Amino acid sequence: MRENNRRRIDQVQDEAFLTNLEALSDNEVRERRVLCDELDIEFSYYRRMLHGRMDLIAFQMRKLAGEEQESLIDALPRILAEGAYASTPGLSTRPVPVEVPDIPRHGHRIIDKALDGDFIVRLPTLEIDDLTETQQFLQEVEVEISRQRRVAHDALDALQAELTRRYSDGAIDPDELLASG
């Protein structure tokens, strides 16, 4: 199903991705499940990065309002450890790898703009209007990334249900999977 000309999330969002699953081979269903799992890890990483930036902006806004005395650099460990953004209810709480996932190269996607590399350097120089605008932009990107993550989760659930059905019906021999591992 890997189509080189389409983003992975576009493949998963395509109606055909989950159509007629029973006609696919076991390996094809598993490959699609792996794709969804990889997307989940990627989107989880993006969300953590966005939340960190939003926490840093919130700190800088409080600092400009006189509510914070520490410098951004001095407060950085506390800001990132406390984090104001919690997991969205209903999404997986499984552990997510700490290392950076194998994500597509930096390009022209909206997430690439949101995760621009010089963010922390520019942050102390931004005025309140710029901080507010940036915060709103990051929140909009986070909503879209969360939506895409939900699509990947829903597809993952459907693919897992298909594999479970095959095991229950005896169409897949569990010993076969264990022997190949």
N, C-alpha and C. Protein backbone atom coordinates (compact mmCIF):
# COMPACT_ATOMS: atom_id res chain seq x y z
N MET A 1 0.83 -1.19 0.00
CA MET A 1 0.00 0.00 0.00
C MET A 1 0.86 1.25 0.00
N ARG A 2 2.15 1.13 0.26
CA ARG A 2 3.05 2.28 0.35
C ARG A 2 3.08 2.99 -0.99
N GLU A 3 2.53 4.18 -1.02
CA GLU A 3 2.51 4.98 -2.24
C GLU A 3 3.47 6.14 -2.06
N ASN A 4 4.53 6.13 -2.83
CA ASN A 4 5.59 7.11 -2.64
C ASN A 4 5.17 8.55 -2.90
N ASN A 5 4.11 8.75 -3.66
CA ASN A 5 3.70 10.11 -4.01
C ASN A 5 2.71 10.70 -3.01
N ARG A 6 2.32 9.94 -2.02
CA ARG A 6 1.32 10.42 -1.06
C ARG A 6 1.87 10.34 0.35
N ARG A 7 1.48 11.33 1.15
CA ARG A 7 1.85 11.28 2.56
C ARG A 7 1.19 10.07 3.19
N ARG A 8 1.84 9.56 4.23
CA ARG A 8 1.30 8.38 4.89
C ARG A 8 -0.08 8.65 5.48
N ILE A 9 -0.29 9.83 6.07
CA ILE A 9 -1.60 10.12 6.64
C ILE A 9 -2.66 10.20 5.54
N ASP A 10 -2.29 10.66 4.35
CA ASP A 10 -3.23 10.69 3.24
C ASP A 10 -3.64 9.28 2.83
N GLN A 11 -2.69 8.36 2.88
CA GLN A 11 -3.00 6.96 2.57
C GLN A 11 -4.00 6.41 3.58
N VAL A 12 -3.77 6.70 4.86
CA VAL A 12 -4.64 6.18 5.92
C VAL A 12 -6.02 6.82 5.85
N GLN A 13 -6.08 8.09 5.50
CA GLN A 13 -7.37 8.81 5.41
C GLN A 13 -8.17 8.40 4.19
N ASP A 14 -7.51 7.83 3.19
CA ASP A 14 -8.19 7.41 1.98
C ASP A 14 -9.20 6.32 2.33
N GLU A 15 -10.40 6.47 1.83
CA GLU A 15 -11.48 5.52 2.10
C GLU A 15 -11.07 4.09 1.77
N ALA A 16 -10.25 3.90 0.76
CA ALA A 16 -9.84 2.57 0.32
C ALA A 16 -8.93 1.86 1.33
N PHE A 17 -8.31 2.62 2.23
CA PHE A 17 -7.37 2.04 3.19
C PHE A 17 -8.03 0.98 4.07
N LEU A 18 -9.27 1.20 4.44
CA LEU A 18 -9.98 0.27 5.33
C LEU A 18 -11.12 -0.47 4.62
N THR A 19 -11.23 -0.31 3.33
CA THR A 19 -12.28 -0.97 2.56
C THR A 19 -11.87 -2.40 2.23
N ASN A 20 -12.79 -3.32 2.43
CA ASN A 20 -12.59 -4.71 2.03
C ASN A 20 -11.36 -5.34 2.69
N LEU A 21 -11.18 -5.10 3.97
CA LEU A 21 -10.02 -5.64 4.69
C LEU A 21 -9.94 -7.16 4.62
N GLU A 22 -11.11 -7.80 4.61
CA GLU A 22 -11.11 -9.27 4.60
C GLU A 22 -10.47 -9.84 3.34
N ALA A 23 -10.37 -9.05 2.28
CA ALA A 23 -9.76 -9.54 1.03
C ALA A 23 -8.23 -9.40 1.04
N LEU A 24 -7.70 -8.64 2.00
CA LEU A 24 -6.25 -8.44 2.07
C LEU A 24 -5.56 -9.64 2.70
N SER A 25 -4.31 -9.83 2.34
CA SER A 25 -3.53 -10.89 2.98
C SER A 25 -3.24 -10.48 4.42
N ASP A 26 -2.88 -11.46 5.22
CA ASP A 26 -2.52 -11.18 6.61
C ASP A 26 -1.37 -10.19 6.68
N ASN A 27 -0.39 -10.37 5.81
CA ASN A 27 0.77 -9.47 5.80
C ASN A 27 0.38 -8.05 5.42
N GLU A 28 -0.54 -7.91 4.47
CA GLU A 28 -0.98 -6.56 4.09
C GLU A 28 -1.69 -5.86 5.24
N VAL A 29 -2.51 -6.60 5.96
CA VAL A 29 -3.20 -6.01 7.12
C VAL A 29 -2.17 -5.61 8.17
N ARG A 30 -1.20 -6.48 8.42
CA ARG A 30 -0.16 -6.17 9.40
C ARG A 30 0.68 -4.96 8.96
N GLU A 31 1.00 -4.86 7.68
CA GLU A 31 1.78 -3.71 7.18
C GLU A 31 1.01 -2.42 7.38
N ARG A 32 -0.28 -2.45 7.14
CA ARG A 32 -1.10 -1.25 7.35
C ARG A 32 -1.16 -0.90 8.85
N ARG A 33 -1.24 -1.93 9.67
CA ARG A 33 -1.25 -1.71 11.11
C ARG A 33 0.07 -1.07 11.56
N VAL A 34 1.19 -1.53 11.04
CA VAL A 34 2.50 -0.95 11.36
C VAL A 34 2.54 0.51 10.92
N LEU A 35 2.03 0.80 9.74
CA LEU A 35 1.98 2.18 9.25
C LEU A 35 1.21 3.07 10.23
N CYS A 36 0.06 2.61 10.69
CA CYS A 36 -0.74 3.39 11.65
C CYS A 36 -0.01 3.56 12.97
N ASP A 37 0.68 2.53 13.41
CA ASP A 37 1.44 2.62 14.66
C ASP A 37 2.58 3.63 14.52
N GLU A 38 3.26 3.62 13.38
CA GLU A 38 4.33 4.59 13.13
C GLU A 38 3.79 6.01 13.13
N LEU A 39 2.62 6.20 12.51
CA LEU A 39 2.00 7.52 12.50
C LEU A 39 1.63 7.96 13.91
N ASP A 40 1.12 7.05 14.72
CA ASP A 40 0.79 7.38 16.10
C ASP A 40 2.02 7.89 16.85
N ILE A 41 3.12 7.20 16.69
CA ILE A 41 4.36 7.62 17.36
C ILE A 41 4.81 8.98 16.84
N GLU A 42 4.75 9.18 15.53
CA GLU A 42 5.14 10.45 14.93
C GLU A 42 4.25 11.59 15.43
N PHE A 43 2.94 11.39 15.42
CA PHE A 43 2.03 12.44 15.85
C PHE A 43 2.16 12.71 17.34
N SER A 44 2.41 11.67 18.13
CA SER A 44 2.64 11.86 19.57
C SER A 44 3.87 12.74 19.79
N TYR A 45 4.90 12.49 19.03
CA TYR A 45 6.13 13.30 19.11
C TYR A 45 5.83 14.75 18.75
N TYR A 46 5.12 14.96 17.66
CA TYR A 46 4.77 16.33 17.25
C TYR A 46 3.97 17.04 18.34
N ARG A 47 3.00 16.32 18.92
CA ARG A 47 2.18 16.93 19.96
C ARG A 47 3.02 17.33 21.17
N ARG A 48 3.95 16.46 21.57
CA ARG A 48 4.81 16.80 22.71
C ARG A 48 5.65 18.04 22.38
N MET A 49 6.15 18.12 21.18
CA MET A 49 6.95 19.29 20.78
C MET A 49 6.09 20.55 20.76
N LEU A 50 4.88 20.45 20.24
CA LEU A 50 3.97 21.61 20.22
C LEU A 50 3.60 22.04 21.63
N HIS A 51 3.30 21.08 22.49
CA HIS A 51 2.93 21.41 23.87
C HIS A 51 4.08 22.09 24.59
N GLY A 52 5.30 21.62 24.36
CA GLY A 52 6.46 22.27 24.97
C GLY A 52 6.58 23.72 24.53
N ARG A 53 6.39 23.97 23.25
CA ARG A 53 6.44 25.34 22.75
C ARG A 53 5.33 26.20 23.34
N MET A 54 4.12 25.63 23.44
CA MET A 54 3.02 26.39 24.02
C MET A 54 3.28 26.71 25.49
N ASP A 55 3.88 25.78 26.21
CA ASP A 55 4.24 26.03 27.61
C ASP A 55 5.28 27.14 27.71
N LEU A 56 6.25 27.15 26.80
CA LEU A 56 7.27 28.19 26.81
C LEU A 56 6.67 29.56 26.49
N ILE A 57 5.75 29.59 25.54
CA ILE A 57 5.08 30.85 25.21
C ILE A 57 4.26 31.34 26.40
N ALA A 58 3.54 30.45 27.05
CA ALA A 58 2.74 30.84 28.21
C ALA A 58 3.63 31.44 29.30
N PHE A 59 4.80 30.84 29.52
CA PHE A 59 5.74 31.38 30.49
C PHE A 59 6.17 32.79 30.07
N GLN A 60 6.54 32.95 28.81
CA GLN A 60 7.02 34.25 28.34
C GLN A 60 5.92 35.31 28.44
N MET A 61 4.69 34.92 28.21
CA MET A 61 3.57 35.86 28.35
C MET A 61 3.41 36.27 29.82
N ARG A 62 3.53 35.31 30.72
CA ARG A 62 3.46 35.64 32.16
C ARG A 62 4.63 36.53 32.56
N LYS A 63 5.79 36.29 31.98
CA LYS A 63 6.97 37.10 32.29
C LYS A 63 6.73 38.55 31.84
N LEU A 64 6.21 38.74 30.65
CA LEU A 64 5.92 40.08 30.17
C LEU A 64 4.85 40.77 31.01
N ALA A 65 3.95 39.98 31.59
CA ALA A 65 2.90 40.54 32.46
C ALA A 65 3.41 40.77 33.88
N GLY A 66 4.68 40.43 34.15
CA GLY A 66 5.26 40.64 35.47
C GLY A 66 4.97 39.53 36.47
N GLU A 67 4.42 38.42 36.00
CA GLU A 67 4.06 37.32 36.89
C GLU A 67 5.20 36.33 37.09
N GLU A 68 6.26 36.43 36.30
CA GLU A 68 7.41 35.53 36.41
C GLU A 68 8.67 36.39 36.54
N GLN A 69 9.58 35.97 37.40
CA GLN A 69 10.81 36.73 37.61
C GLN A 69 12.03 36.05 36.98
N GLU A 70 12.00 34.73 36.88
CA GLU A 70 13.14 33.99 36.33
C GLU A 70 13.30 34.28 34.84
N SER A 71 14.52 34.09 34.37
CA SER A 71 14.73 34.16 32.93
C SER A 71 14.18 32.88 32.30
N LEU A 72 13.90 32.93 31.03
CA LEU A 72 13.40 31.76 30.31
C LEU A 72 14.37 30.59 30.44
N ILE A 73 15.64 30.84 30.28
CA ILE A 73 16.65 29.79 30.36
C ILE A 73 16.68 29.18 31.76
N ASP A 74 16.63 30.01 32.81
CA ASP A 74 16.64 29.48 34.18
C ASP A 74 15.39 28.66 34.48
N ALA A 75 14.27 29.07 33.92
CA ALA A 75 13.00 28.40 34.19
C ALA A 75 12.74 27.21 33.26
N LEU A 76 13.55 27.05 32.24
CA LEU A 76 13.31 26.03 31.22
C LEU A 76 13.09 24.62 31.79
N PRO A 77 13.94 24.12 32.69
CA PRO A 77 13.69 22.77 33.21
C PRO A 77 12.33 22.66 33.93
N ARG A 78 11.98 23.67 34.70
CA ARG A 78 10.71 23.66 35.42
C ARG A 78 9.53 23.71 34.44
N ILE A 79 9.63 24.57 33.44
CA ILE A 79 8.54 24.71 32.47
C ILE A 79 8.28 23.39 31.75
N LEU A 80 9.34 22.78 31.28
CA LEU A 80 9.19 21.54 30.52
C LEU A 80 8.79 20.36 31.40
N ALA A 81 9.20 20.38 32.66
CA ALA A 81 8.84 19.29 33.58
C ALA A 81 7.38 19.39 34.00
N GLU A 82 6.91 20.61 34.24
CA GLU A 82 5.53 20.78 34.71
C GLU A 82 4.54 20.66 33.59
N GLY A 83 4.81 21.25 32.43
CA GLY A 83 3.93 21.19 31.28
C GLY A 83 2.47 21.36 31.60
N ALA A 84 1.81 22.25 30.94
CA ALA A 84 0.40 22.53 31.21
C ALA A 84 -0.53 21.63 30.41
N TYR A 85 -0.01 21.00 29.38
CA TYR A 85 -0.87 20.23 28.48
C TYR A 85 -0.87 18.77 28.85
N ALA A 86 -2.06 18.24 29.06
CA ALA A 86 -2.20 16.83 29.43
C ALA A 86 -2.69 16.04 28.22
N SER A 87 -2.59 14.77 28.34
CA SER A 87 -3.06 13.86 27.31
C SER A 87 -4.55 14.06 27.07
N THR A 88 -4.97 13.95 25.83
CA THR A 88 -6.38 14.06 25.50
C THR A 88 -7.09 12.81 26.00
N PRO A 89 -8.20 12.96 26.72
CA PRO A 89 -8.92 11.79 27.22
C PRO A 89 -9.29 10.85 26.07
N GLY A 90 -9.17 9.56 26.32
CA GLY A 90 -9.59 8.59 25.33
C GLY A 90 -8.47 8.11 24.42
N LEU A 91 -7.38 8.81 24.35
CA LEU A 91 -6.29 8.36 23.51
C LEU A 91 -5.40 7.40 24.29
N SER A 92 -4.63 6.66 23.56
CA SER A 92 -3.76 5.65 24.15
C SER A 92 -2.85 6.25 25.22
N THR A 93 -2.67 5.52 26.30
CA THR A 93 -1.76 5.96 27.35
C THR A 93 -0.51 5.08 27.36
N ARG A 94 -0.33 4.30 26.30
CA ARG A 94 0.85 3.44 26.24
C ARG A 94 2.10 4.28 26.19
N PRO A 95 3.20 3.74 26.68
CA PRO A 95 4.45 4.51 26.66
C PRO A 95 4.87 4.83 25.23
N VAL A 96 5.35 6.04 25.03
CA VAL A 96 5.82 6.47 23.72
C VAL A 96 7.33 6.61 23.80
N PRO A 97 8.04 6.11 22.81
CA PRO A 97 9.50 6.18 22.86
C PRO A 97 9.99 7.61 23.08
N VAL A 98 11.09 7.73 23.80
CA VAL A 98 11.67 9.04 24.09
C VAL A 98 12.48 9.54 22.91
N GLU A 99 13.08 8.61 22.15
CA GLU A 99 13.89 9.04 21.02
C GLU A 99 13.02 9.63 19.91
N VAL A 100 13.65 10.40 19.07
CA VAL A 100 12.94 11.01 17.95
C VAL A 100 12.56 9.91 16.97
N PRO A 101 11.27 9.83 16.60
CA PRO A 101 10.87 8.80 15.65
C PRO A 101 11.43 9.08 14.27
N ASP A 102 11.39 8.09 13.43
CA ASP A 102 11.82 8.24 12.05
C ASP A 102 10.73 9.01 11.31
N ILE A 103 10.91 10.32 11.24
CA ILE A 103 9.89 11.17 10.64
C ILE A 103 10.37 11.69 9.30
N PRO A 104 9.42 12.06 8.45
CA PRO A 104 9.81 12.58 7.14
C PRO A 104 10.74 13.79 7.28
N ARG A 105 11.56 13.97 6.29
CA ARG A 105 12.50 15.10 6.33
C ARG A 105 11.75 16.41 6.40
N HIS A 106 12.43 17.40 6.96
CA HIS A 106 11.85 18.73 7.11
C HIS A 106 11.41 19.25 5.74
N GLY A 107 10.21 19.73 5.67
CA GLY A 107 9.69 20.19 4.39
C GLY A 107 8.84 21.44 4.54
N HIS A 108 7.75 21.46 3.81
CA HIS A 108 6.89 22.63 3.77
C HIS A 108 5.54 22.39 4.43
N ARG A 109 5.48 21.35 5.25
CA ARG A 109 4.23 21.07 5.95
C ARG A 109 4.02 22.11 7.05
N ILE A 110 2.79 22.24 7.50
CA ILE A 110 2.46 23.20 8.54
C ILE A 110 3.19 22.84 9.84
N ILE A 111 3.37 21.55 10.11
CA ILE A 111 4.08 21.14 11.32
C ILE A 111 5.54 21.57 11.26
N ASP A 112 6.13 21.58 10.07
CA ASP A 112 7.52 22.02 9.93
C ASP A 112 7.66 23.49 10.31
N LYS A 113 6.68 24.29 9.91
CA LYS A 113 6.70 25.71 10.28
C LYS A 113 6.51 25.87 11.79
N ALA A 114 5.61 25.06 12.36
CA ALA A 114 5.34 25.15 13.79
C ALA A 114 6.53 24.72 14.64
N LEU A 115 7.32 23.79 14.13
CA LEU A 115 8.47 23.29 14.89
C LEU A 115 9.78 23.88 14.38
N ASP A 116 9.71 25.07 13.84
CA ASP A 116 10.88 25.78 13.34
C ASP A 116 12.01 25.76 14.37
N GLY A 117 13.21 25.50 13.92
CA GLY A 117 14.36 25.29 14.79
C GLY A 117 14.80 26.48 15.62
N ASP A 118 14.54 27.70 15.21
CA ASP A 118 15.04 28.86 15.96
C ASP A 118 14.00 29.41 16.94
N PHE A 119 13.00 28.63 17.25
CA PHE A 119 11.90 29.07 18.12
C PHE A 119 12.41 29.60 19.46
N ILE A 120 13.22 28.83 20.15
CA ILE A 120 13.66 29.20 21.49
C ILE A 120 14.55 30.45 21.48
N VAL A 121 15.27 30.64 20.39
CA VAL A 121 16.14 31.81 20.28
C VAL A 121 15.29 33.08 20.10
N ARG A 122 14.23 32.96 19.29
CA ARG A 122 13.37 34.11 19.01
C ARG A 122 12.42 34.45 20.15
N LEU A 123 12.07 33.47 20.96
CA LEU A 123 11.03 33.64 21.97
C LEU A 123 11.22 34.86 22.88
N PRO A 124 12.39 35.08 23.47
CA PRO A 124 12.54 36.23 24.37
C PRO A 124 12.40 37.59 23.68
N THR A 125 12.49 37.62 22.36
CA THR A 125 12.42 38.89 21.64
C THR A 125 11.01 39.23 21.16
N LEU A 126 10.08 38.29 21.32
CA LEU A 126 8.72 38.50 20.82
C LEU A 126 7.90 39.36 21.78
N GLU A 127 7.10 40.23 21.20
CA GLU A 127 6.16 41.06 21.96
C GLU A 127 4.89 40.26 22.21
N ILE A 128 4.03 40.76 23.07
CA ILE A 128 2.82 40.05 23.48
C ILE A 128 1.93 39.70 22.29
N ASP A 129 1.78 40.60 21.32
CA ASP A 129 0.95 40.31 20.15
C ASP A 129 1.52 39.16 19.34
N ASP A 130 2.84 39.15 19.17
CA ASP A 130 3.49 38.06 18.43
C ASP A 130 3.36 36.74 19.19
N LEU A 131 3.50 36.80 20.52
CA LEU A 131 3.35 35.60 21.33
C LEU A 131 1.93 35.04 21.23
N THR A 132 0.95 35.94 21.29
CA THR A 132 -0.45 35.52 21.19
C THR A 132 -0.73 34.89 19.83
N GLU A 133 -0.25 35.51 18.79
CA GLU A 133 -0.44 34.99 17.43
C GLU A 133 0.25 33.62 17.27
N THR A 134 1.45 33.51 17.78
CA THR A 134 2.18 32.25 17.70
C THR A 134 1.48 31.17 18.51
N GLN A 135 0.99 31.52 19.70
CA GLN A 135 0.27 30.57 20.54
C GLN A 135 -0.98 30.07 19.81
N GLN A 136 -1.73 30.96 19.19
CA GLN A 136 -2.93 30.56 18.46
C GLN A 136 -2.57 29.65 17.28
N PHE A 137 -1.51 29.98 16.57
CA PHE A 137 -1.05 29.16 15.46
C PHE A 137 -0.69 27.75 15.94
N LEU A 138 0.07 27.67 17.03
CA LEU A 138 0.47 26.36 17.56
C LEU A 138 -0.74 25.56 18.02
N GLN A 139 -1.72 26.23 18.61
CA GLN A 139 -2.93 25.53 19.04
C GLN A 139 -3.70 24.98 17.84
N GLU A 140 -3.77 25.75 16.76
CA GLU A 140 -4.45 25.27 15.54
C GLU A 140 -3.72 24.06 14.95
N VAL A 141 -2.40 24.12 14.94
CA VAL A 141 -1.61 23.00 14.41
C VAL A 141 -1.82 21.78 15.31
N GLU A 142 -1.85 21.98 16.62
CA GLU A 142 -2.04 20.87 17.55
C GLU A 142 -3.40 20.21 17.34
N VAL A 143 -4.42 20.99 17.08
CA VAL A 143 -5.75 20.44 16.82
C VAL A 143 -5.70 19.56 15.56
N GLU A 144 -5.03 20.02 14.53
CA GLU A 144 -4.94 19.24 13.29
C GLU A 144 -4.12 17.97 13.50
N ILE A 145 -3.01 18.07 14.21
CA ILE A 145 -2.18 16.89 14.48
C ILE A 145 -2.97 15.89 15.32
N SER A 146 -3.73 16.38 16.29
CA SER A 146 -4.56 15.49 17.12
C SER A 146 -5.64 14.82 16.27
N ARG A 147 -6.22 15.55 15.32
CA ARG A 147 -7.22 14.97 14.42
C ARG A 147 -6.59 13.85 13.59
N GLN A 148 -5.41 14.11 13.05
CA GLN A 148 -4.73 13.10 12.24
C GLN A 148 -4.35 11.89 13.09
N ARG A 149 -3.96 12.15 14.32
CA ARG A 149 -3.62 11.05 15.23
C ARG A 149 -4.85 10.20 15.50
N ARG A 150 -6.00 10.84 15.67
CA ARG A 150 -7.25 10.11 15.89
C ARG A 150 -7.57 9.25 14.67
N VAL A 151 -7.36 9.76 13.46
CA VAL A 151 -7.58 8.98 12.24
C VAL A 151 -6.70 7.74 12.25
N ALA A 152 -5.43 7.92 12.61
CA ALA A 152 -4.50 6.80 12.67
C ALA A 152 -4.95 5.79 13.73
N HIS A 153 -5.41 6.28 14.89
CA HIS A 153 -5.90 5.40 15.96
C HIS A 153 -7.11 4.61 15.50
N ASP A 154 -8.06 5.28 14.85
CA ASP A 154 -9.27 4.60 14.39
C ASP A 154 -8.93 3.52 13.36
N ALA A 155 -8.01 3.83 12.45
CA ALA A 155 -7.60 2.84 11.46
C ALA A 155 -6.87 1.68 12.14
N LEU A 156 -6.03 2.01 13.10
CA LEU A 156 -5.31 0.97 13.85
C LEU A 156 -6.30 0.04 14.55
N ASP A 157 -7.33 0.61 15.14
CA ASP A 157 -8.36 -0.20 15.80
C ASP A 157 -9.06 -1.13 14.81
N ALA A 158 -9.40 -0.61 13.63
CA ALA A 158 -10.08 -1.42 12.61
C ALA A 158 -9.18 -2.55 12.11
N LEU A 159 -7.91 -2.25 11.92
CA LEU A 159 -6.96 -3.27 11.45
C LEU A 159 -6.73 -4.33 12.53
N GLN A 160 -6.64 -3.90 13.77
CA GLN A 160 -6.47 -4.85 14.87
C GLN A 160 -7.71 -5.73 15.00
N ALA A 161 -8.89 -5.14 14.83
CA ALA A 161 -10.13 -5.92 14.89
C ALA A 161 -10.17 -6.97 13.78
N GLU A 162 -9.68 -6.62 12.61
CA GLU A 162 -9.64 -7.58 11.50
C GLU A 162 -8.69 -8.73 11.81
N LEU A 163 -7.53 -8.41 12.36
CA LEU A 163 -6.59 -9.48 12.72
C LEU A 163 -7.16 -10.35 13.84
N THR A 164 -7.79 -9.73 14.81
CA THR A 164 -8.42 -10.48 15.91
C THR A 164 -9.49 -11.41 15.36
N ARG A 165 -10.30 -10.92 14.43
CA ARG A 165 -11.35 -11.74 13.81
C ARG A 165 -10.71 -12.95 13.13
N ARG A 166 -9.61 -12.72 12.42
CA ARG A 166 -8.95 -13.82 11.71
C ARG A 166 -8.42 -14.86 12.69
N TYR A 167 -7.87 -14.41 13.81
CA TYR A 167 -7.40 -15.36 14.82
C TYR A 167 -8.58 -16.13 15.41
N SER A 168 -9.66 -15.43 15.72
CA SER A 168 -10.84 -16.06 16.31
C SER A 168 -11.48 -17.08 15.37
N ASP A 169 -11.51 -16.75 14.08
CA ASP A 169 -12.10 -17.64 13.08
C ASP A 169 -11.18 -18.79 12.69
N GLY A 170 -9.94 -18.73 13.14
CA GLY A 170 -8.98 -19.77 12.77
C GLY A 170 -8.33 -19.53 11.42
N ALA A 171 -8.56 -18.36 10.81
CA ALA A 171 -7.97 -18.06 9.51
C ALA A 171 -6.46 -17.84 9.62
N ILE A 172 -6.01 -17.43 10.80
CA ILE A 172 -4.58 -17.26 11.06
C ILE A 172 -4.22 -18.23 12.19
N ASP A 173 -3.17 -18.96 11.98
CA ASP A 173 -2.66 -19.86 13.01
C ASP A 173 -1.66 -19.10 13.87
N PRO A 174 -1.94 -18.89 15.16
CA PRO A 174 -1.03 -18.14 16.04
C PRO A 174 0.38 -18.75 16.07
N ASP A 175 0.48 -20.07 15.93
CA ASP A 175 1.80 -20.72 15.92
C ASP A 175 2.64 -20.25 14.73
N GLU A 176 1.98 -19.96 13.62
CA GLU A 176 2.66 -19.47 12.42
C GLU A 176 3.34 -18.12 12.70
N LEU A 177 2.66 -17.26 13.40
CA LEU A 177 3.21 -15.95 13.74
C LEU A 177 4.39 -16.09 14.70
N LEU A 178 4.25 -16.96 15.67
CA LEU A 178 5.33 -17.20 16.64
C LEU A 178 6.56 -17.80 15.96
N ALA A 179 6.36 -18.69 15.00
CA ALA A 179 7.47 -19.33 14.30
C ALA A 179 8.23 -18.35 13.43
N SER A 180 7.54 -17.31 12.90
CA SER A 180 8.21 -16.34 12.04
C SER A 180 8.93 -15.26 12.83
N GLY A 181 8.64 -15.12 14.13
CA GLY A 181 9.21 -14.06 14.97
C GLY A 181 10.51 -14.43 15.47
